[in-house]
Amino acid sequence: MKKLIAYLKPFKLESVLERLPTEGVVEVDISEVRGYGRQKGHLELYKDHEYELTFLPKAKLEIYCEDGVLAKVEEALLAARTGRIGDGKVLVLDVEQSAEL
């Protein structure tokens, strides 16, 4: 089993979820997080004042899948790619053991 941790732009979340395979994906957890990376921050205008946002909103997906569908899950995550800095990251980890509580 594999665990993928993906950080995406929030507006790309729906397109990724639509492309995930229905078989072989054991669980998907979604969190709203804030991140800082090469994208740095961006300026927001509020009441005629500019504010720099250092930590930008991201969607964090934790996807557990069977080894055989890893390529399909990675392909679904590519739907989040825009080609611009700040698209996100994907980490792939081996899950040695899992147990239901």
PDB file of N, CA and C in Angstrom:
ATOM      1  N   MET A   1       0.851  -1.178   0.000  1.00  0.00           N
ATOM      2  CA  MET A   1       0.000   0.000   0.000  1.00  0.00           C
ATOM      3  C   MET A   1       0.891   1.233   0.000  1.00  0.00           C
ATOM      4  N   LYS A   2       0.395   2.298  -0.607  1.00  0.00           N
ATOM      5  CA  LYS A   2       1.108   3.573  -0.674  1.00  0.00           C
ATOM      6  C   LYS A   2       0.271   4.668  -0.023  1.00  0.00           C
ATOM      7  N   LYS A   3       0.974   5.666   0.497  1.00  0.00           N
ATOM      8  CA  LYS A   3       0.326   6.878   0.998  1.00  0.00           C
ATOM      9  C   LYS A   3       0.897   8.036   0.193  1.00  0.00           C
ATOM     10  N   LEU A   4       0.022   8.778  -0.437  1.00  0.00           N
ATOM     11  CA  LEU A   4       0.435   9.968  -1.160  1.00  0.00           C
ATOM     12  C   LEU A   4      -0.031  11.179  -0.370  1.00  0.00           C
ATOM     13  N   ILE A   5       0.860  12.114  -0.172  1.00  0.00           N
ATOM     14  CA  ILE A   5       0.515  13.386   0.459  1.00  0.00           C
ATOM     15  C   ILE A   5       0.694  14.442  -0.620  1.00  0.00           C
ATOM     16  N   ALA A   6      -0.376  15.128  -0.940  1.00  0.00           N
ATOM     17  CA  ALA A   6      -0.336  16.116  -2.016  1.00  0.00           C
ATOM     18  C   ALA A   6      -0.794  17.470  -1.493  1.00  0.00           C
ATOM     19  N   TYR A   7      -0.065  18.506  -1.866  1.00  0.00           N
ATOM     20  CA  TYR A   7      -0.429  19.881  -1.543  1.00  0.00           C
ATOM     21  C   TYR A   7      -0.782  20.568  -2.854  1.00  0.00           C
ATOM     22  N   LEU A   8      -2.008  21.069  -2.952  1.00  0.00           N
ATOM     23  CA  LEU A   8      -2.505  21.649  -4.200  1.00  0.00           C
ATOM     24  C   LEU A   8      -3.110  23.023  -3.961  1.00  0.00           C
ATOM     25  N   LYS A   9      -3.303  23.737  -5.061  1.00  0.00           N
ATOM     26  CA  LYS A   9      -4.097  24.959  -4.987  1.00  0.00           C
ATOM     27  C   LYS A   9      -5.544  24.537  -4.744  1.00  0.00           C
ATOM     28  N   PRO A  10      -6.238  25.191  -3.820  1.00  0.00           N
ATOM     29  CA  PRO A  10      -7.598  24.755  -3.460  1.00  0.00           C
ATOM     30  C   PRO A  10      -8.565  24.669  -4.637  1.00  0.00           C
ATOM     31  N   PHE A  11      -8.455  25.543  -5.614  1.00  0.00           N
ATOM     32  CA  PHE A  11      -9.404  25.520  -6.730  1.00  0.00           C
ATOM     33  C   PHE A  11      -9.165  24.338  -7.670  1.00  0.00           C
ATOM     34  N   LYS A  12      -8.073  23.594  -7.493  1.00  0.00           N
ATOM     35  CA  LYS A  12      -7.780  22.418  -8.309  1.00  0.00           C
ATOM     36  C   LYS A  12      -8.262  21.122  -7.655  1.00  0.00           C
ATOM     37  N   LEU A  13      -8.741  21.194  -6.443  1.00  0.00           N
ATOM     38  CA  LEU A  13      -9.129  20.005  -5.685  1.00  0.00           C
ATOM     39  C   LEU A  13     -10.206  19.190  -6.389  1.00  0.00           C
ATOM     40  N   GLU A  14     -11.243  19.841  -6.851  1.00  0.00           N
ATOM     41  CA  GLU A  14     -12.376  19.138  -7.474  1.00  0.00           C
ATOM     42  C   GLU A  14     -11.941  18.359  -8.717  1.00  0.00           C
ATOM     43  N   SER A  15     -11.101  18.970  -9.548  1.00  0.00           N
ATOM     44  CA  SER A  15     -10.674  18.282 -10.771  1.00  0.00           C
ATOM     45  C   SER A  15      -9.824  17.053 -10.461  1.00  0.00           C
ATOM     46  N   VAL A  16      -9.053  17.100  -9.388  1.00  0.00           N
ATOM     47  CA  VAL A  16      -8.267  15.930  -8.983  1.00  0.00           C
ATOM     48  C   VAL A  16      -9.185  14.833  -8.471  1.00  0.00           C
ATOM     49  N   LEU A  17     -10.130  15.179  -7.610  1.00  0.00           N
ATOM     50  CA  LEU A  17     -11.032  14.179  -7.034  1.00  0.00           C
ATOM     51  C   LEU A  17     -11.863  13.483  -8.113  1.00  0.00           C
ATOM     52  N   GLU A  18     -12.267  14.215  -9.129  1.00  0.00           N
ATOM     53  CA  GLU A  18     -13.042  13.623 -10.230  1.00  0.00           C
ATOM     54  C   GLU A  18     -12.244  12.578 -11.004  1.00  0.00           C
ATOM     55  N   ARG A  19     -10.920  12.720 -11.012  1.00  0.00           N
ATOM     56  CA  ARG A  19     -10.071  11.828 -11.806  1.00  0.00           C
ATOM     57  C   ARG A  19      -9.517  10.640 -11.016  1.00  0.00           C
ATOM     58  N   LEU A  20      -9.702  10.628  -9.704  1.00  0.00           N
ATOM     59  CA  LEU A  20      -9.184   9.505  -8.911  1.00  0.00           C
ATOM     60  C   LEU A  20      -9.886   8.212  -9.307  1.00  0.00           C
ATOM     61  N   PRO A  21      -9.141   7.105  -9.389  1.00  0.00           N
ATOM     62  CA  PRO A  21      -9.789   5.830  -9.711  1.00  0.00           C
ATOM     63  C   PRO A  21     -10.742   5.411  -8.596  1.00  0.00           C
ATOM     64  N   THR A  22     -11.818   4.723  -8.957  1.00  0.00           N
ATOM     65  CA  THR A  22     -12.802   4.298  -7.954  1.00  0.00           C
ATOM     66  C   THR A  22     -12.385   3.009  -7.268  1.00  0.00           C
ATOM     67  N   GLU A  23     -11.565   2.210  -7.917  1.00  0.00           N
ATOM     68  CA  GLU A  23     -11.088   0.968  -7.315  1.00  0.00           C
ATOM     69  C   GLU A  23      -9.621   1.111  -6.937  1.00  0.00           C
ATOM     70  N   GLY A  24      -9.251   0.550  -5.796  1.00  0.00           N
ATOM     71  CA  GLY A  24      -7.864   0.564  -5.364  1.00  0.00           C
ATOM     72  C   GLY A  24      -7.493   1.733  -4.482  1.00  0.00           C
ATOM     73  N   VAL A  25      -8.357   2.735  -4.397  1.00  0.00           N
ATOM     74  CA  VAL A  25      -8.120   3.851  -3.478  1.00  0.00           C
ATOM     75  C   VAL A  25      -8.845   3.513  -2.185  1.00  0.00           C
ATOM     76  N   VAL A  26      -8.076   3.351  -1.117  1.00  0.00           N
ATOM     77  CA  VAL A  26      -8.618   2.895   0.157  1.00  0.00           C
ATOM     78  C   VAL A  26      -9.236   4.045   0.942  1.00  0.00           C
ATOM     79  N   GLU A  27      -8.578   5.199   0.935  1.00  0.00           N
ATOM     80  CA  GLU A  27      -9.057   6.337   1.728  1.00  0.00           C
ATOM     81  C   GLU A  27      -8.491   7.629   1.165  1.00  0.00           C
ATOM     82  N   VAL A  28      -9.271   8.706   1.282  1.00  0.00           N
ATOM     83  CA  VAL A  28      -8.822  10.047   0.905  1.00  0.00           C
ATOM     84  C   VAL A  28      -9.210  10.986   2.036  1.00  0.00           C
ATOM     85  N   ASP A  29      -8.229  11.678   2.581  1.00  0.00           N
ATOM     86  CA  ASP A  29      -8.473  12.683   3.621  1.00  0.00           C
ATOM     87  C   ASP A  29      -8.070  14.042   3.064  1.00  0.00           C
ATOM     88  N   ILE A  30      -8.869  15.064   3.353  1.00  0.00           N
ATOM     89  CA  ILE A  30      -8.620  16.407   2.832  1.00  0.00           C
ATOM     90  C   ILE A  30      -8.568  17.387   3.997  1.00  0.00           C
ATOM     91  N   SER A  31      -7.565  18.263   3.967  1.00  0.00           N
ATOM     92  CA  SER A  31      -7.423  19.300   4.989  1.00  0.00           C
ATOM     93  C   SER A  31      -7.141  20.633   4.313  1.00  0.00           C
ATOM     94  N   GLU A  32      -7.586  21.702   4.950  1.00  0.00           N
ATOM     95  CA  GLU A  32      -7.219  23.045   4.506  1.00  0.00           C
ATOM     96  C   GLU A  32      -5.984  23.449   5.296  1.00  0.00           C
ATOM     97  N   VAL A  33      -4.917  23.800   4.582  1.00  0.00           N
ATOM     98  CA  VAL A  33      -3.668  24.180   5.236  1.00  0.00           C
ATOM     99  C   VAL A  33      -3.143  25.455   4.593  1.00  0.00           C
ATOM    100  N   ARG A  34      -2.084  25.995   5.167  1.00  0.00           N
ATOM    101  CA  ARG A  34      -1.403  27.151   4.584  1.00  0.00           C
ATOM    102  C   ARG A  34       0.055  26.767   4.394  1.00  0.00           C
ATOM    103  N   GLY A  35       0.637  27.239   3.286  1.00  0.00           N
ATOM    104  CA  GLY A  35       2.008  26.852   2.987  1.00  0.00           C
ATOM    105  C   GLY A  35       2.858  28.009   2.515  1.00  0.00           C
ATOM    106  N   TYR A  36       4.157  27.787   2.605  1.00  0.00           N
ATOM    107  CA  TYR A  36       5.147  28.772   2.190  1.00  0.00           C
ATOM    108  C   TYR A  36       6.224  28.035   1.408  1.00  0.00           C
ATOM    109  N   GLY A  37       6.542  28.509   0.232  1.00  0.00           N
ATOM    110  CA  GLY A  37       7.569  27.854  -0.579  1.00  0.00           C
ATOM    111  C   GLY A  37       8.152  28.833  -1.570  1.00  0.00           C
ATOM    112  N   ARG A  38       8.529  28.323  -2.748  1.00  0.00           N
ATOM    113  CA  ARG A  38       9.127  29.179  -3.776  1.00  0.00           C
ATOM    114  C   ARG A  38       8.170  30.258  -4.248  1.00  0.00           C
ATOM    115  N   GLN A  39       6.869  30.003  -4.121  1.00  0.00           N
ATOM    116  CA  GLN A  39       5.876  30.969  -4.578  1.00  0.00           C
ATOM    117  C   GLN A  39       5.904  32.234  -3.726  1.00  0.00           C
ATOM    118  N   LYS A  40       6.420  32.105  -2.525  1.00  0.00           N
ATOM    119  CA  LYS A  40       6.439  33.191  -1.533  1.00  0.00           C
ATOM    120  C   LYS A  40       4.998  33.609  -1.253  1.00  0.00           C
ATOM    121  N   GLY A  41       4.765  34.883  -1.065  1.00  0.00           N
ATOM    122  CA  GLY A  41       3.413  35.340  -0.782  1.00  0.00           C
ATOM    123  C   GLY A  41       2.841  36.100  -1.958  1.00  0.00           C
ATOM    124  N   HIS A  42       1.712  36.712  -1.730  1.00  0.00           N
ATOM    125  CA  HIS A  42       1.164  37.606  -2.741  1.00  0.00           C
ATOM    126  C   HIS A  42       0.440  38.730  -2.027  1.00  0.00           C
ATOM    127  N   LEU A  43       0.170  39.799  -2.762  1.00  0.00           N
ATOM    128  CA  LEU A  43      -0.442  40.978  -2.165  1.00  0.00           C
ATOM    129  C   LEU A  43      -1.959  40.901  -2.249  1.00  0.00           C
ATOM    130  N   GLU A  44      -2.600  41.276  -1.178  1.00  0.00           N
ATOM    131  CA  GLU A  44      -4.053  41.381  -1.116  1.00  0.00           C
ATOM    132  C   GLU A  44      -4.393  42.835  -0.839  1.00  0.00           C
ATOM    133  N   LEU A  45      -5.456  43.298  -1.420  1.00  0.00           N
ATOM    134  CA  LEU A  45      -5.918  44.655  -1.192  1.00  0.00           C
ATOM    135  C   LEU A  45      -7.133  44.611  -0.282  1.00  0.00           C
ATOM    136  N   TYR A  46      -7.079  45.357   0.832  1.00  0.00           N
ATOM    137  CA  TYR A  46      -8.191  45.402   1.768  1.00  0.00           C
ATOM    138  C   TYR A  46      -8.331  46.831   2.266  1.00  0.00           C
ATOM    139  N   LYS A  47      -9.474  47.437   2.003  1.00  0.00           N
ATOM    140  CA  LYS A  47      -9.750  48.821   2.415  1.00  0.00           C
ATOM    141  C   LYS A  47      -8.622  49.765   1.986  1.00  0.00           C
ATOM    142  N   ASP A  48      -8.279  49.675   0.703  1.00  0.00           N
ATOM    143  CA  ASP A  48      -7.266  50.534   0.085  1.00  0.00           C
ATOM    144  C   ASP A  48      -5.859  50.369   0.664  1.00  0.00           C
ATOM    145  N   HIS A  49      -5.606  49.287   1.374  1.00  0.00           N
ATOM    146  CA  HIS A  49      -4.265  49.000   1.884  1.00  0.00           C
ATOM    147  C   HIS A  49      -3.815  47.653   1.330  1.00  0.00           C
ATOM    148  N   GLU A  50      -2.537  47.569   0.999  1.00  0.00           N
ATOM    149  CA  GLU A  50      -1.996  46.301   0.509  1.00  0.00           C
ATOM    150  C   GLU A  50      -1.391  45.519   1.668  1.00  0.00           C
ATOM    151  N   TYR A  51      -1.673  44.230   1.692  1.00  0.00           N
ATOM    152  CA  TYR A  51      -1.130  43.340   2.705  1.00  0.00           C
ATOM    153  C   TYR A  51      -0.483  42.154   2.004  1.00  0.00           C
ATOM    154  N   GLU A  52       0.689  41.775   2.469  1.00  0.00           N
ATOM    155  CA  GLU A  52       1.347  40.610   1.887  1.00  0.00           C
ATOM    156  C   GLU A  52       0.970  39.369   2.689  1.00  0.00           C
ATOM    157  N   LEU A  53       0.461  38.365   1.985  1.00  0.00           N
ATOM    158  CA  LEU A  53       0.152  37.086   2.611  1.00  0.00           C
ATOM    159  C   LEU A  53       1.370  36.187   2.446  1.00  0.00           C
ATOM    160  N   THR A  54       2.001  35.832   3.552  1.00  0.00           N
ATOM    161  CA  THR A  54       3.196  35.002   3.499  1.00  0.00           C
ATOM    162  C   THR A  54       2.833  33.538   3.310  1.00  0.00           C
ATOM    163  N   PHE A  55       1.846  33.058   4.051  1.00  0.00           N
ATOM    164  CA  PHE A  55       1.418  31.667   3.962  1.00  0.00           C
ATOM    165  C   PHE A  55       0.132  31.609   3.146  1.00  0.00           C
ATOM    166  N   LEU A  56       0.195  30.898   2.030  1.00  0.00           N
ATOM    167  CA  LEU A  56      -0.933  30.849   1.102  1.00  0.00           C
ATOM    168  C   LEU A  56      -1.798  29.621   1.350  1.00  0.00           C
ATOM    169  N   PRO A  57      -3.103  29.733   1.105  1.00  0.00           N
ATOM    170  CA  PRO A  57      -3.996  28.589   1.315  1.00  0.00           C
ATOM    171  C   PRO A  57      -3.693  27.453   0.341  1.00  0.00           C
ATOM    172  N   LYS A  58      -3.713  26.241   0.866  1.00  0.00           N
ATOM    173  CA  LYS A  58      -3.488  25.026   0.078  1.00  0.00           C
ATOM    174  C   LYS A  58      -4.497  23.974   0.515  1.00  0.00           C
ATOM    175  N   ALA A  59      -4.729  23.016  -0.352  1.00  0.00           N
ATOM    176  CA  ALA A  59      -5.507  21.826   0.001  1.00  0.00           C
ATOM    177  C   ALA A  59      -4.505  20.693   0.181  1.00  0.00           C
ATOM    178  N   LYS A  60      -4.627  19.972   1.290  1.00  0.00           N
ATOM    179  CA  LYS A  60      -3.746  18.827   1.551  1.00  0.00           C
ATOM    180  C   LYS A  60      -4.564  17.555   1.399  1.00  0.00           C
ATOM    181  N   LEU A  61      -4.127  16.683   0.512  1.00  0.00           N
ATOM    182  CA  LEU A  61      -4.777  15.388   0.323  1.00  0.00           C
ATOM    183  C   LEU A  61      -3.857  14.304   0.853  1.00  0.00           C
ATOM    184  N   GLU A  62      -4.418  13.391   1.616  1.00  0.00           N
ATOM    185  CA  GLU A  62      -3.708  12.187   2.022  1.00  0.00           C
ATOM    186  C   GLU A  62      -4.475  11.035   1.394  1.00  0.00           C
ATOM    187  N   ILE A  63      -3.831  10.357   0.468  1.00  0.00           N
ATOM    188  CA  ILE A  63      -4.486   9.307  -0.303  1.00  0.00           C
ATOM    189  C   ILE A  63      -3.782   7.987  -0.014  1.00  0.00           C
ATOM    190  N   TYR A  64      -4.552   6.996   0.405  1.00  0.00           N
ATOM    191  CA  TYR A  64      -4.032   5.650   0.618  1.00  0.00           C
ATOM    192  C   TYR A  64      -4.543   4.791  -0.530  1.00  0.00           C
ATOM    193  N   CYS A  65      -3.619   4.116  -1.212  1.00  0.00           N
ATOM    194  CA  CYS A  65      -4.032   3.307  -2.362  1.00  0.00           C
ATOM    195  C   CYS A  65      -3.215   2.022  -2.442  1.00  0.00           C
ATOM    196  N   GLU A  66      -3.767   1.072  -3.163  1.00  0.00           N
ATOM    197  CA  GLU A  66      -3.052  -0.168  -3.436  1.00  0.00           C
ATOM    198  C   GLU A  66      -1.924   0.129  -4.416  1.00  0.00           C
ATOM    199  N   ASP A  67      -0.849  -0.633  -4.320  1.00  0.00           N
ATOM    200  CA  ASP A  67       0.321  -0.401  -5.175  1.00  0.00           C
ATOM    201  C   ASP A  67      -0.033  -0.397  -6.659  1.00  0.00           C
ATOM    202  N   GLY A  68      -0.973  -1.230  -7.059  1.00  0.00           N
ATOM    203  CA  GLY A  68      -1.319  -1.381  -8.468  1.00  0.00           C
ATOM    204  C   GLY A  68      -1.982  -0.175  -9.106  1.00  0.00           C
ATOM    205  N   VAL A  69      -2.520   0.737  -8.310  1.00  0.00           N
ATOM    206  CA  VAL A  69      -3.187   1.922  -8.879  1.00  0.00           C
ATOM    207  C   VAL A  69      -2.394   3.208  -8.646  1.00  0.00           C
ATOM    208  N   LEU A  70      -1.167   3.069  -8.155  1.00  0.00           N
ATOM    209  CA  LEU A  70      -0.346   4.247  -7.868  1.00  0.00           C
ATOM    210  C   LEU A  70      -0.211   5.149  -9.093  1.00  0.00           C
ATOM    211  N   ALA A  71       0.076   4.585 -10.240  1.00  0.00           N
ATOM    212  CA  ALA A  71       0.257   5.393 -11.457  1.00  0.00           C
ATOM    213  C   ALA A  71      -1.015   6.153 -11.811  1.00  0.00           C
ATOM    214  N   LYS A  72      -2.179   5.529 -11.631  1.00  0.00           N
ATOM    215  CA  LYS A  72      -3.449   6.200 -11.934  1.00  0.00           C
ATOM    216  C   LYS A  72      -3.715   7.341 -10.956  1.00  0.00           C
ATOM    217  N   VAL A  73      -3.351   7.142  -9.694  1.00  0.00           N
ATOM    218  CA  VAL A  73      -3.534   8.204  -8.698  1.00  0.00           C
ATOM    219  C   VAL A  73      -2.595   9.366  -9.012  1.00  0.00           C
ATOM    220  N   GLU A  74      -1.349   9.056  -9.350  1.00  0.00           N
ATOM    221  CA  GLU A  74      -0.402  10.119  -9.717  1.00  0.00           C
ATOM    222  C   GLU A  74      -0.891  10.877 -10.953  1.00  0.00           C
ATOM    223  N   GLU A  75      -1.451  10.160 -11.898  1.00  0.00           N
ATOM    224  CA  GLU A  75      -2.001  10.801 -13.102  1.00  0.00           C
ATOM    225  C   GLU A  75      -3.156  11.736 -12.744  1.00  0.00           C
ATOM    226  N   ALA A  76      -4.001  11.324 -11.818  1.00  0.00           N
ATOM    227  CA  ALA A  76      -5.110  12.178 -11.370  1.00  0.00           C
ATOM    228  C   ALA A  76      -4.578  13.450 -10.718  1.00  0.00           C
ATOM    229  N   LEU A  77      -3.491  13.326  -9.963  1.00  0.00           N
ATOM    230  CA  LEU A  77      -2.911  14.492  -9.296  1.00  0.00           C
ATOM    231  C   LEU A  77      -2.314  15.481 -10.297  1.00  0.00           C
ATOM    232  N   LEU A  78      -1.918  14.999 -11.461  1.00  0.00           N
ATOM    233  CA  LEU A  78      -1.380  15.898 -12.485  1.00  0.00           C
ATOM    234  C   LEU A  78      -2.430  16.876 -12.999  1.00  0.00           C
ATOM    235  N   ALA A  79      -3.701  16.604 -12.741  1.00  0.00           N
ATOM    236  CA  ALA A  79      -4.764  17.535 -13.130  1.00  0.00           C
ATOM    237  C   ALA A  79      -4.635  18.861 -12.389  1.00  0.00           C
ATOM    238  N   ALA A  80      -3.866  18.875 -11.299  1.00  0.00           N
ATOM    239  CA  ALA A  80      -3.679  20.099 -10.521  1.00  0.00           C
ATOM    240  C   ALA A  80      -2.588  20.986 -11.108  1.00  0.00           C
ATOM    241  N   ARG A  81      -1.861  20.490 -12.076  1.00  0.00           N
ATOM    242  CA  ARG A  81      -0.733  21.237 -12.628  1.00  0.00           C
ATOM    243  C   ARG A  81      -1.223  22.375 -13.525  1.00  0.00           C
ATOM    244  N   THR A  82      -0.707  23.573 -13.251  1.00  0.00           N
ATOM    245  CA  THR A  82      -0.991  24.726 -14.108  1.00  0.00           C
ATOM    246  C   THR A  82       0.265  25.178 -14.842  1.00  0.00           C
ATOM    247  N   GLY A  83       1.421  24.697 -14.405  1.00  0.00           N
ATOM    248  CA  GLY A  83       2.681  25.105 -15.009  1.00  0.00           C
ATOM    249  C   GLY A  83       3.284  26.338 -14.373  1.00  0.00           C
ATOM    250  N   ARG A  84       2.676  26.813 -13.306  1.00  0.00           N
ATOM    251  CA  ARG A  84       3.173  28.008 -12.623  1.00  0.00           C
ATOM    252  C   ARG A  84       3.739  27.624 -11.267  1.00  0.00           C
ATOM    253  N   ILE A  85       4.592  28.471 -10.730  1.00  0.00           N
ATOM    254  CA  ILE A  85       5.146  28.240  -9.397  1.00  0.00           C
ATOM    255  C   ILE A  85       3.993  28.193  -8.395  1.00  0.00           C
ATOM    256  N   GLY A  86       4.072  27.266  -7.447  1.00  0.00           N
ATOM    257  CA  GLY A  86       3.041  27.164  -6.424  1.00  0.00           C
ATOM    258  C   GLY A  86       1.993  26.112  -6.716  1.00  0.00           C
ATOM    259  N   ASP A  87       2.192  25.316  -7.776  1.00  0.00           N
ATOM    260  CA  ASP A  87       1.228  24.258  -8.088  1.00  0.00           C
ATOM    261  C   ASP A  87       1.121  23.243  -6.960  1.00  0.00           C
ATOM    262  N   GLY A  88       2.201  22.992  -6.257  1.00  0.00           N
ATOM    263  CA  GLY A  88       2.152  22.071  -5.128  1.00  0.00           C
ATOM    264  C   GLY A  88       3.211  20.997  -5.194  1.00  0.00           C
ATOM    265  N   LYS A  89       3.051  20.003  -4.338  1.00  0.00           N
ATOM    266  CA  LYS A  89       4.001  18.902  -4.223  1.00  0.00           C
ATOM    267  C   LYS A  89       3.235  17.617  -3.996  1.00  0.00           C
ATOM    268  N   VAL A  90       3.878  16.489  -4.360  1.00  0.00           N
ATOM    269  CA  VAL A  90       3.334  15.165  -4.080  1.00  0.00           C
ATOM    270  C   VAL A  90       4.442  14.329  -3.461  1.00  0.00           C
ATOM    271  N   LEU A  91       4.151  13.725  -2.328  1.00  0.00           N
ATOM    272  CA  LEU A  91       5.077  12.818  -1.661  1.00  0.00           C
ATOM    273  C   LEU A  91       4.471  11.428  -1.701  1.00  0.00           C
ATOM    274  N   VAL A  92       5.282  10.414  -1.972  1.00  0.00           N
ATOM    275  CA  VAL A  92       4.809   9.032  -2.018  1.00  0.00           C
ATOM    276  C   VAL A  92       5.574   8.237  -0.968  1.00  0.00           C
ATOM    277  N   LEU A  93       4.822   7.590  -0.067  1.00  0.00           N
ATOM    278  CA  LEU A  93       5.415   6.817   1.025  1.00  0.00           C
ATOM    279  C   LEU A  93       4.901   5.387   0.996  1.00  0.00           C
ATOM    280  N   ASP A  94       5.741   4.455   1.434  1.00  0.00           N
ATOM    281  CA  ASP A  94       5.305   3.071   1.599  1.00  0.00           C
ATOM    282  C   ASP A  94       4.576   2.928   2.929  1.00  0.00           C
ATOM    283  N   VAL A  95       3.460   2.211   2.920  1.00  0.00           N
ATOM    284  CA  VAL A  95       2.733   1.892   4.152  1.00  0.00           C
ATOM    285  C   VAL A  95       3.010   0.419   4.436  1.00  0.00           C
ATOM    286  N   GLU A  96       3.767   0.171   5.488  1.00  0.00           N
ATOM    287  CA  GLU A  96       4.143  -1.203   5.806  1.00  0.00           C
ATOM    288  C   GLU A  96       3.016  -1.970   6.475  1.00  0.00           C
ATOM    289  N   GLN A  97       2.221  -1.264   7.268  1.00  0.00           N
ATOM    290  CA  GLN A  97       1.172  -1.951   8.014  1.00  0.00           C
ATOM    291  C   GLN A  97       0.021  -0.985   8.271  1.00  0.00           C
ATOM    292  N   SER A  98      -1.177  -1.530   8.298  1.00  0.00           N
ATOM    293  CA  SER A  98      -2.376  -0.738   8.557  1.00  0.00           C
ATOM    294  C   SER A  98      -3.347  -1.590   9.365  1.00  0.00           C
ATOM    295  N   ALA A  99      -4.059  -0.963  10.297  1.00  0.00           N
ATOM    296  CA  ALA A  99      -5.029  -1.700  11.111  1.00  0.00           C
ATOM    297  C   ALA A  99      -6.253  -0.836  11.348  1.00  0.00           C
ATOM    298  N   GLU A 100      -7.426  -1.443  11.329  1.00  0.00           N
ATOM    299  CA  GLU A 100      -8.674  -0.740  11.636  1.00  0.00           C
ATOM    300  C   GLU A 100      -8.800  -0.587  13.147  1.00  0.00           C
ATOM    301  N   LEU A 101      -9.331   0.523  13.599  1.00  0.00           N
ATOM    302  CA  LEU A 101      -9.559   0.742  15.036  1.00  0.00           C
ATOM    303  C   LEU A 101     -10.988   0.436  15.390  1.00  0.00           C
TER     304      LEU A 101
END
